[in-house]
Amino acid sequence: PPITPEAREAARELSEDPALLHRAIRTI
C-alpha cells in the first residue's frame, strides 16, 4: 500500500527522536 499521511507523520517523528536507534533495537 502507498504511504499514508499517518505513516508519513510517524516516520517524521521517528527521525526527530534522538533515541531513534535505541527504539529500533528495543523494537527488535
PDB file of all heavy atoms in Angstrom:
ATOM      1  N   PRO A   1       0.833  -1.210   0.000  1.00  0.00           N
ATOM      2  CA  PRO A   1       0.000   0.000   0.000  1.00  0.00           C
ATOM      3  C   PRO A   1       0.862   1.251   0.000  1.00  0.00           C
ATOM      4  O   PRO A   1       2.004   1.243   0.476  1.00  0.00           O
ATOM      5  CB  PRO A   1      -0.783  -0.136   1.315  1.00  0.00           C
ATOM      6  CG  PRO A   1       0.080  -0.996   2.188  1.00  0.00           C
ATOM      7  CD  PRO A   1       0.772  -1.942   1.268  1.00  0.00           C
ATOM      8  N   PRO A   2       0.363   2.343  -0.536  1.00  0.00           N
ATOM      9  CA  PRO A   2       1.114   3.600  -0.502  1.00  0.00           C
ATOM     10  C   PRO A   2       1.246   4.104   0.936  1.00  0.00           C
ATOM     11  O   PRO A   2       0.490   3.705   1.829  1.00  0.00           O
ATOM     12  CB  PRO A   2       0.252   4.548  -1.350  1.00  0.00           C
ATOM     13  CG  PRO A   2      -1.133   3.965  -1.281  1.00  0.00           C
ATOM     14  CD  PRO A   2      -0.943   2.480  -1.205  1.00  0.00           C
ATOM     15  N   ILE A   3       2.205   4.982   1.144  1.00  0.00           N
ATOM     16  CA  ILE A   3       2.444   5.514   2.480  1.00  0.00           C
ATOM     17  C   ILE A   3       1.317   6.491   2.835  1.00  0.00           C
ATOM     18  O   ILE A   3       1.071   7.464   2.121  1.00  0.00           O
ATOM     19  CB  ILE A   3       3.802   6.232   2.533  1.00  0.00           C
ATOM     20  CG1 ILE A   3       4.919   5.250   2.178  1.00  0.00           C
ATOM     21  CG2 ILE A   3       4.056   6.820   3.911  1.00  0.00           C
ATOM     22  CD1 ILE A   3       6.288   5.881   2.087  1.00  0.00           C
ATOM     23  N   THR A   4       0.643   6.209   3.924  1.00  0.00           N
ATOM     24  CA  THR A   4      -0.461   7.055   4.354  1.00  0.00           C
ATOM     25  C   THR A   4       0.070   8.311   5.047  1.00  0.00           C
ATOM     26  O   THR A   4       1.221   8.330   5.516  1.00  0.00           O
ATOM     27  CB  THR A   4      -1.372   6.292   5.326  1.00  0.00           C
ATOM     28  OG1 THR A   4      -0.619   5.981   6.511  1.00  0.00           O
ATOM     29  CG2 THR A   4      -1.883   5.008   4.691  1.00  0.00           C
ATOM     30  N   PRO A   5      -0.739   9.363   5.137  1.00  0.00           N
ATOM     31  CA  PRO A   5      -0.303  10.559   5.878  1.00  0.00           C
ATOM     32  C   PRO A   5       0.061  10.242   7.325  1.00  0.00           C
ATOM     33  O   PRO A   5       0.991  10.835   7.876  1.00  0.00           O
ATOM     34  CB  PRO A   5      -1.522  11.490   5.795  1.00  0.00           C
ATOM     35  CG  PRO A   5      -2.250  11.062   4.557  1.00  0.00           C
ATOM     36  CD  PRO A   5      -2.042   9.578   4.473  1.00  0.00           C
ATOM     37  N   GLU A   6      -0.673   9.309   7.943  1.00  0.00           N
ATOM     38  CA  GLU A   6      -0.368   8.943   9.331  1.00  0.00           C
ATOM     39  C   GLU A   6       1.010   8.285   9.427  1.00  0.00           C
ATOM     40  O   GLU A   6       1.795   8.582  10.339  1.00  0.00           O
ATOM     41  CB  GLU A   6      -1.435   7.987   9.870  1.00  0.00           C
ATOM     42  CG  GLU A   6      -2.825   8.599  10.005  1.00  0.00           C
ATOM     43  CD  GLU A   6      -3.559   8.708   8.696  1.00  0.00           C
ATOM     44  OE1 GLU A   6      -3.100   8.088   7.709  1.00  0.00           O
ATOM     45  OE2 GLU A   6      -4.595   9.403   8.651  1.00  0.00           O
ATOM     46  N   ALA A   7       1.314   7.361   8.478  1.00  0.00           N
ATOM     47  CA  ALA A   7       2.617   6.702   8.489  1.00  0.00           C
ATOM     48  C   ALA A   7       3.730   7.699   8.195  1.00  0.00           C
ATOM     49  O   ALA A   7       4.814   7.618   8.782  1.00  0.00           O
ATOM     50  CB  ALA A   7       2.642   5.569   7.465  1.00  0.00           C
ATOM     51  N   ARG A   8       3.465   8.628   7.318  1.00  0.00           N
ATOM     52  CA  ARG A   8       4.463   9.649   6.992  1.00  0.00           C
ATOM     53  C   ARG A   8       4.774  10.499   8.228  1.00  0.00           C
ATOM     54  O   ARG A   8       5.929  10.814   8.514  1.00  0.00           O
ATOM     55  CB  ARG A   8       3.949  10.518   5.847  1.00  0.00           C
ATOM     56  CG  ARG A   8       4.960  11.498   5.274  1.00  0.00           C
ATOM     57  CD  ARG A   8       4.337  12.264   4.125  1.00  0.00           C
ATOM     58  NE  ARG A   8       4.010  11.376   3.022  1.00  0.00           N
ATOM     59  CZ  ARG A   8       4.849  11.072   2.035  1.00  0.00           C
ATOM     60  NH1 ARG A   8       6.063  11.599   2.036  1.00  0.00           N
ATOM     61  NH2 ARG A   8       4.470  10.273   1.061  1.00  0.00           N
ATOM     62  N   GLU A   9       3.753  10.854   8.970  1.00  0.00           N
ATOM     63  CA  GLU A   9       3.946  11.653  10.180  1.00  0.00           C
ATOM     64  C   GLU A   9       4.688  10.847  11.246  1.00  0.00           C
ATOM     65  O   GLU A   9       5.571  11.377  11.944  1.00  0.00           O
ATOM     66  CB  GLU A   9       2.592  12.110  10.728  1.00  0.00           C
ATOM     67  CG  GLU A   9       2.661  12.900  12.026  1.00  0.00           C
ATOM     68  CD  GLU A   9       3.431  14.203  11.901  1.00  0.00           C
ATOM     69  OE1 GLU A   9       3.591  14.698  10.763  1.00  0.00           O
ATOM     70  OE2 GLU A   9       3.877  14.732  12.936  1.00  0.00           O
ATOM     71  N   ALA A  10       4.356   9.549  11.353  1.00  0.00           N
ATOM     72  CA  ALA A  10       5.057   8.697  12.323  1.00  0.00           C
ATOM     73  C   ALA A  10       6.536   8.569  11.957  1.00  0.00           C
ATOM     74  O   ALA A  10       7.403   8.567  12.840  1.00  0.00           O
ATOM     75  CB  ALA A  10       4.400   7.314  12.372  1.00  0.00           C
ATOM     76  N   ALA A  11       6.834   8.461  10.664  1.00  0.00           N
ATOM     77  CA  ALA A  11       8.229   8.388  10.227  1.00  0.00           C
ATOM     78  C   ALA A  11       8.967   9.682  10.540  1.00  0.00           C
ATOM     79  O   ALA A  11      10.137   9.665  10.939  1.00  0.00           O
ATOM     80  CB  ALA A  11       8.290   8.085   8.731  1.00  0.00           C
ATOM     81  N   ARG A  12       8.291  10.807  10.372  1.00  0.00           N
ATOM     82  CA  ARG A  12       8.923  12.100  10.679  1.00  0.00           C
ATOM     83  C   ARG A  12       9.247  12.199  12.174  1.00  0.00           C
ATOM     84  O   ARG A  12      10.327  12.661  12.560  1.00  0.00           O
ATOM     85  CB  ARG A  12       8.006  13.247  10.269  1.00  0.00           C
ATOM     86  CG  ARG A  12       8.631  14.629  10.431  1.00  0.00           C
ATOM     87  CD  ARG A  12       7.603  15.719  10.225  1.00  0.00           C
ATOM     88  NE  ARG A  12       6.569  15.676  11.259  1.00  0.00           N
ATOM     89  CZ  ARG A  12       6.731  16.157  12.484  1.00  0.00           C
ATOM     90  NH1 ARG A  12       7.887  16.693  12.842  1.00  0.00           N
ATOM     91  NH2 ARG A  12       5.759  16.080  13.358  1.00  0.00           N
ATOM     92  N   GLU A  13       8.316  11.731  13.013  1.00  0.00           N
ATOM     93  CA  GLU A  13       8.557  11.760  14.455  1.00  0.00           C
ATOM     94  C   GLU A  13       9.738  10.859  14.838  1.00  0.00           C
ATOM     95  O   GLU A  13      10.541  11.199  15.715  1.00  0.00           O
ATOM     96  CB  GLU A  13       7.294  11.322  15.199  1.00  0.00           C
ATOM     97  CG  GLU A  13       6.149  12.341  15.095  1.00  0.00           C
ATOM     98  CD  GLU A  13       4.897  11.860  15.793  1.00  0.00           C
ATOM     99  OE1 GLU A  13       4.925  10.730  16.338  1.00  0.00           O
ATOM    100  OE2 GLU A  13       3.886  12.590  15.786  1.00  0.00           O
ATOM    101  N   LEU A  14       9.846   9.699  14.176  1.00  0.00           N
ATOM    102  CA  LEU A  14      10.985   8.828  14.438  1.00  0.00           C
ATOM    103  C   LEU A  14      12.295   9.529  14.088  1.00  0.00           C
ATOM    104  O   LEU A  14      13.271   9.473  14.840  1.00  0.00           O
ATOM    105  CB  LEU A  14      10.859   7.538  13.628  1.00  0.00           C
ATOM    106  CG  LEU A  14       9.902   6.462  14.140  1.00  0.00           C
ATOM    107  CD1 LEU A  14       9.784   5.326  13.135  1.00  0.00           C
ATOM    108  CD2 LEU A  14      10.362   5.914  15.485  1.00  0.00           C
ATOM    109  N   SER A  15      12.326  10.189  12.942  1.00  0.00           N
ATOM    110  CA  SER A  15      13.553  10.849  12.505  1.00  0.00           C
ATOM    111  C   SER A  15      13.953  11.994  13.420  1.00  0.00           C
ATOM    112  O   SER A  15      15.133  12.335  13.523  1.00  0.00           O
ATOM    113  CB  SER A  15      13.394  11.365  11.071  1.00  0.00           C
ATOM    114  OG  SER A  15      14.594  11.927  10.597  1.00  0.00           O
ATOM    115  N   GLU A  16      12.986  12.583  14.103  1.00  0.00           N
ATOM    116  CA  GLU A  16      13.281  13.696  15.004  1.00  0.00           C
ATOM    117  C   GLU A  16      13.633  13.225  16.414  1.00  0.00           C
ATOM    118  O   GLU A  16      14.017  14.036  17.250  1.00  0.00           O
ATOM    119  CB  GLU A  16      12.074  14.634  15.068  1.00  0.00           C
ATOM    120  CG  GLU A  16      11.837  15.415  13.777  1.00  0.00           C
ATOM    121  CD  GLU A  16      10.634  16.333  13.865  1.00  0.00           C
ATOM    122  OE1 GLU A  16       9.842  16.176  14.830  1.00  0.00           O
ATOM    123  OE2 GLU A  16      10.480  17.198  12.990  1.00  0.00           O
ATOM    124  N   ASP A  17      13.504  11.928  16.669  1.00  0.00           N
ATOM    125  CA  ASP A  17      13.752  11.397  18.011  1.00  0.00           C
ATOM    126  C   ASP A  17      15.232  11.098  18.193  1.00  0.00           C
ATOM    127  O   ASP A  17      15.785  10.247  17.478  1.00  0.00           O
ATOM    128  CB  ASP A  17      12.927  10.128  18.212  1.00  0.00           C
ATOM    129  CG  ASP A  17      13.000   9.611  19.647  1.00  0.00           C
ATOM    130  OD1 ASP A  17      13.765  10.186  20.453  1.00  0.00           O
ATOM    131  OD2 ASP A  17      12.286   8.648  19.963  1.00  0.00           O
ATOM    132  N   PRO A  18      15.923  11.743  19.124  1.00  0.00           N
ATOM    133  CA  PRO A  18      17.344  11.419  19.349  1.00  0.00           C
ATOM    134  C   PRO A  18      17.552   9.964  19.767  1.00  0.00           C
ATOM    135  O   PRO A  18      18.649   9.432  19.596  1.00  0.00           O
ATOM    136  CB  PRO A  18      17.746  12.380  20.481  1.00  0.00           C
ATOM    137  CG  PRO A  18      16.720  13.463  20.475  1.00  0.00           C
ATOM    138  CD  PRO A  18      15.451  12.822  20.008  1.00  0.00           C
ATOM    139  N   ALA A  19      16.520   9.317  20.304  1.00  0.00           N
ATOM    140  CA  ALA A  19      16.637   7.927  20.747  1.00  0.00           C
ATOM    141  C   ALA A  19      16.179   6.944  19.675  1.00  0.00           C
ATOM    142  O   ALA A  19      15.841   5.790  19.982  1.00  0.00           O
ATOM    143  CB  ALA A  19      15.817   7.712  22.019  1.00  0.00           C
ATOM    144  N   LEU A  20      16.180   7.351  18.406  1.00  0.00           N
ATOM    145  CA  LEU A  20      15.667   6.518  17.324  1.00  0.00           C
ATOM    146  C   LEU A  20      16.345   5.151  17.267  1.00  0.00           C
ATOM    147  O   LEU A  20      15.680   4.114  17.206  1.00  0.00           O
ATOM    148  CB  LEU A  20      15.842   7.251  15.990  1.00  0.00           C
ATOM    149  CG  LEU A  20      15.642   6.445  14.704  1.00  0.00           C
ATOM    150  CD1 LEU A  20      14.260   5.807  14.676  1.00  0.00           C
ATOM    151  CD2 LEU A  20      15.850   7.324  13.482  1.00  0.00           C
ATOM    152  N   LEU A  21      17.667   5.115  17.276  1.00  0.00           N
ATOM    153  CA  LEU A  21      18.355   3.826  17.173  1.00  0.00           C
ATOM    154  C   LEU A  21      18.077   2.942  18.382  1.00  0.00           C
ATOM    155  O   LEU A  21      17.929   1.719  18.244  1.00  0.00           O
ATOM    156  CB  LEU A  21      19.860   4.050  17.018  1.00  0.00           C
ATOM    157  CG  LEU A  21      20.367   4.177  15.580  1.00  0.00           C
ATOM    158  CD1 LEU A  21      21.865   4.436  15.559  1.00  0.00           C
ATOM    159  CD2 LEU A  21      20.041   2.928  14.780  1.00  0.00           C
ATOM    160  N   HIS A  22      18.007   3.540  19.562  1.00  0.00           N
ATOM    161  CA  HIS A  22      17.675   2.761  20.746  1.00  0.00           C
ATOM    162  C   HIS A  22      16.266   2.181  20.611  1.00  0.00           C
ATOM    163  O   HIS A  22      16.028   1.017  20.996  1.00  0.00           O
ATOM    164  CB  HIS A  22      17.769   3.643  21.988  1.00  0.00           C
ATOM    165  CG  HIS A  22      17.397   2.931  23.259  1.00  0.00           C
ATOM    166  ND1 HIS A  22      18.124   1.869  23.746  1.00  0.00           N
ATOM    167  CD2 HIS A  22      16.361   3.122  24.123  1.00  0.00           C
ATOM    168  CE1 HIS A  22      17.554   1.435  24.864  1.00  0.00           C
ATOM    169  NE2 HIS A  22      16.491   2.158  25.106  1.00  0.00           N
ATOM    170  N   ARG A  23      15.341   2.941  20.061  1.00  0.00           N
ATOM    171  CA  ARG A  23      13.982   2.440  19.863  1.00  0.00           C
ATOM    172  C   ARG A  23      13.964   1.279  18.869  1.00  0.00           C
ATOM    173  O   ARG A  23      13.225   0.303  19.051  1.00  0.00           O
ATOM    174  CB  ARG A  23      13.078   3.577  19.379  1.00  0.00           C
ATOM    175  CG  ARG A  23      12.753   4.591  20.454  1.00  0.00           C
ATOM    176  CD  ARG A  23      11.918   5.738  19.908  1.00  0.00           C
ATOM    177  NE  ARG A  23      10.622   5.302  19.402  1.00  0.00           N
ATOM    178  CZ  ARG A  23       9.710   6.139  18.875  1.00  0.00           C
ATOM    179  NH1 ARG A  23       9.996   7.434  18.785  1.00  0.00           N
ATOM    180  NH2 ARG A  23       8.564   5.678  18.455  1.00  0.00           N
ATOM    181  N   ALA A  24      14.762   1.379  17.798  1.00  0.00           N
ATOM    182  CA  ALA A  24      14.816   0.292  16.813  1.00  0.00           C
ATOM    183  C   ALA A  24      15.344  -0.991  17.457  1.00  0.00           C
ATOM    184  O   ALA A  24      14.785  -2.073  17.258  1.00  0.00           O
ATOM    185  CB  ALA A  24      15.696   0.702  15.636  1.00  0.00           C
ATOM    186  N   ILE A  25      16.414  -0.867  18.243  1.00  0.00           N
ATOM    187  CA  ILE A  25      16.986  -2.039  18.911  1.00  0.00           C
ATOM    188  C   ILE A  25      15.978  -2.640  19.884  1.00  0.00           C
ATOM    189  O   ILE A  25      15.816  -3.867  19.967  1.00  0.00           O
ATOM    190  CB  ILE A  25      18.282  -1.630  19.634  1.00  0.00           C
ATOM    191  CG1 ILE A  25      19.355  -1.264  18.611  1.00  0.00           C
ATOM    192  CG2 ILE A  25      18.772  -2.739  20.553  1.00  0.00           C
ATOM    193  CD1 ILE A  25      20.590  -0.639  19.210  1.00  0.00           C
ATOM    194  N   ARG A  26      15.276  -1.767  20.609  1.00  0.00           N
ATOM    195  CA  ARG A  26      14.279  -2.251  21.573  1.00  0.00           C
ATOM    196  C   ARG A  26      13.107  -2.926  20.854  1.00  0.00           C
ATOM    197  O   ARG A  26      12.568  -3.930  21.323  1.00  0.00           O
ATOM    198  CB  ARG A  26      13.792  -1.062  22.409  1.00  0.00           C
ATOM    199  CG  ARG A  26      12.966  -1.460  23.629  1.00  0.00           C
ATOM    200  CD  ARG A  26      12.644  -0.218  24.422  1.00  0.00           C
ATOM    201  NE  ARG A  26      11.864   0.720  23.617  1.00  0.00           N
ATOM    202  CZ  ARG A  26      11.773   2.030  23.862  1.00  0.00           C
ATOM    203  NH1 ARG A  26      12.426   2.557  24.877  1.00  0.00           N
ATOM    204  NH2 ARG A  26      11.043   2.814  23.099  1.00  0.00           N
ATOM    205  N   THR A  27      12.704  -2.392  19.700  1.00  0.00           N
ATOM    206  CA  THR A  27      11.588  -2.979  18.949  1.00  0.00           C
ATOM    207  C   THR A  27      11.939  -4.379  18.464  1.00  0.00           C
ATOM    208  O   THR A  27      11.109  -5.299  18.514  1.00  0.00           O
ATOM    209  CB  THR A  27      11.231  -2.080  17.752  1.00  0.00           C
ATOM    210  OG1 THR A  27      10.851  -0.782  18.229  1.00  0.00           O
ATOM    211  CG2 THR A  27      10.086  -2.672  16.952  1.00  0.00           C
ATOM    212  N   ILE A  28      13.172  -4.579  17.984  1.00  0.00           N
ATOM    213  CA  ILE A  28      13.590  -5.918  17.560  1.00  0.00           C
ATOM    214  C   ILE A  28      13.577  -6.868  18.757  1.00  0.00           C
ATOM    215  O   ILE A  28      13.239  -8.052  18.625  1.00  0.00           O
ATOM    216  CB  ILE A  28      14.986  -5.852  16.907  1.00  0.00           C
ATOM    217  CG1 ILE A  28      14.935  -4.978  15.651  1.00  0.00           C
ATOM    218  CG2 ILE A  28      15.492  -7.253  16.552  1.00  0.00           C
ATOM    219  CD1 ILE A  28      16.291  -4.656  15.056  1.00  0.00           C
TER     220      ILE A  28
END
